[in-house]
Amino acid sequence: MIRCALYLRLSREDGEGESNSIQSQRMLLLQYMKEQEQMECVGEWIDDGISGSHYERPGFQAMMGAAQRREFDCILCKDLSRLGREYIQTGYLLREILPRLGIRLIAVADHYDSEDTGFMEDSLLMPVMSLMNDAYCRDISRKVRWQQRTKRMMGEYIGAFACYGYQKSSEDAHVLVIDPEAAEIVRIIYLLRLGGMAAENIAGVLNMGQIKSPYEYKKMQGSHYHSGFVPENNGQQEKLWTPQTVRRILSNSMYTGVMIQGKDQKLSYKLQKRVALPKEKWICVDGVLPVIIPKWVYERIRKLQTKRIRCQKGNVFCTSFAGYGLNAKEQETAQKWLQQKMTQFPGGIADHEPWLKRLWVALFVEEIHVVRQGGGLERQGK
């Protein structure tokens, strides 16, 4: 009895046609086994939504591990393009690796069987088919890249994850709308920085207030989020805000309504490694995003970023708030506003948490300052 492994693969470039679906491939291979003598299926390995331009695929790697353990004698796949589209590596796999392991390969739709030595040694079909598969992958990669560029230039969002402060529209995944909860944190960060607080202290305030970091916030929403917000090799920091996280938010001009995409690109359609592009090559489309932070506030923050802020040790606030001054009416309003915030805060505010009271006062004073300047932080999306 020949022990057979079924390998099924479907990538995005193959589309969603029934002829290429995982279920269709499975049915074809099972029917083939049924028509043969002494064949049994001992397992199947699947790579769904993964390109054949490389072999770093979880399903394929797991199958090759099983092959090295001699768990099966034969691999069945729909056609050679399911196995892989990269010409050089596919040829090496067929001519070196599988024969060395004693593994037979059958590509049903291509009528290819590695036991047919004449097919391997005398026919020109194999290298031609491999070259065609490789050329197909290169052509598809180029078309996808230009299609993505066109969508970006039209202001459509094609990223996997929305920028912190935004979320994908439930009606159109290419449209970003304001995430009210995260956007409010972004506004607070800008207010604190506008008042003179350094990024280190802003991160401390957010952590003491148990505000979830962008990574933890998206993780809470069920997203498989990966970002530079998470410090490398330090899993303990995933739930915490860091100065780097704060600075990235303060330097992100998307909050002013500018869609920015295309910051990096793949080195090659055969490689997963990406390289950063210079700013002049970024694709920026203004006016397609709802505004979280006014442009004048963002520009003022940029100027502040060039200044060195000295903060008092043991205190999360700088002393720059002391110079604003409020009149009697504003002080009365501030006291009422502070009392309301203290009442609304989950669990109340204990006497040993004066930092939080100072936070609310600082926010109120800055709001008054902004109003005096003739503008405010628009609260769109609320």
Foldseek 3Di string as FASTA:
>chain_A
DFEEEEEAEDAVLVPDDPCRDRVNFVVVVVVVQVPDPPYDYPYYFYFYHDAQLEQPTPRNVVVVVCLQVVVGAEYETQALVSVHQHQPVSVCCLPPVCVVSNHWYANPNVRDTSVPVCCVPPDPVVNVVSPVSNVVLQVSVVVVVVVVVVCVLVVFADDPADDFQWHADPVDNRAIAGDQVRLVLLVLLLLQVLLQFALALSQVVCVVLQPFQPQVVVVVVVDPDDDPQDPPPCPVCNRGGHSVSSVVSLQDCVLQAKDKDDQWDDPGSSDPDIDGDDPVPIRIDGNRYDHSFHPVSSVSSVVSVVDDGDADPPASHRPSLVPQDDDPVLVVVLVVQLVVVQVPRPPGDDPVPVNVSVSSSSSSSSQVVQVVVPDGRDSPPD
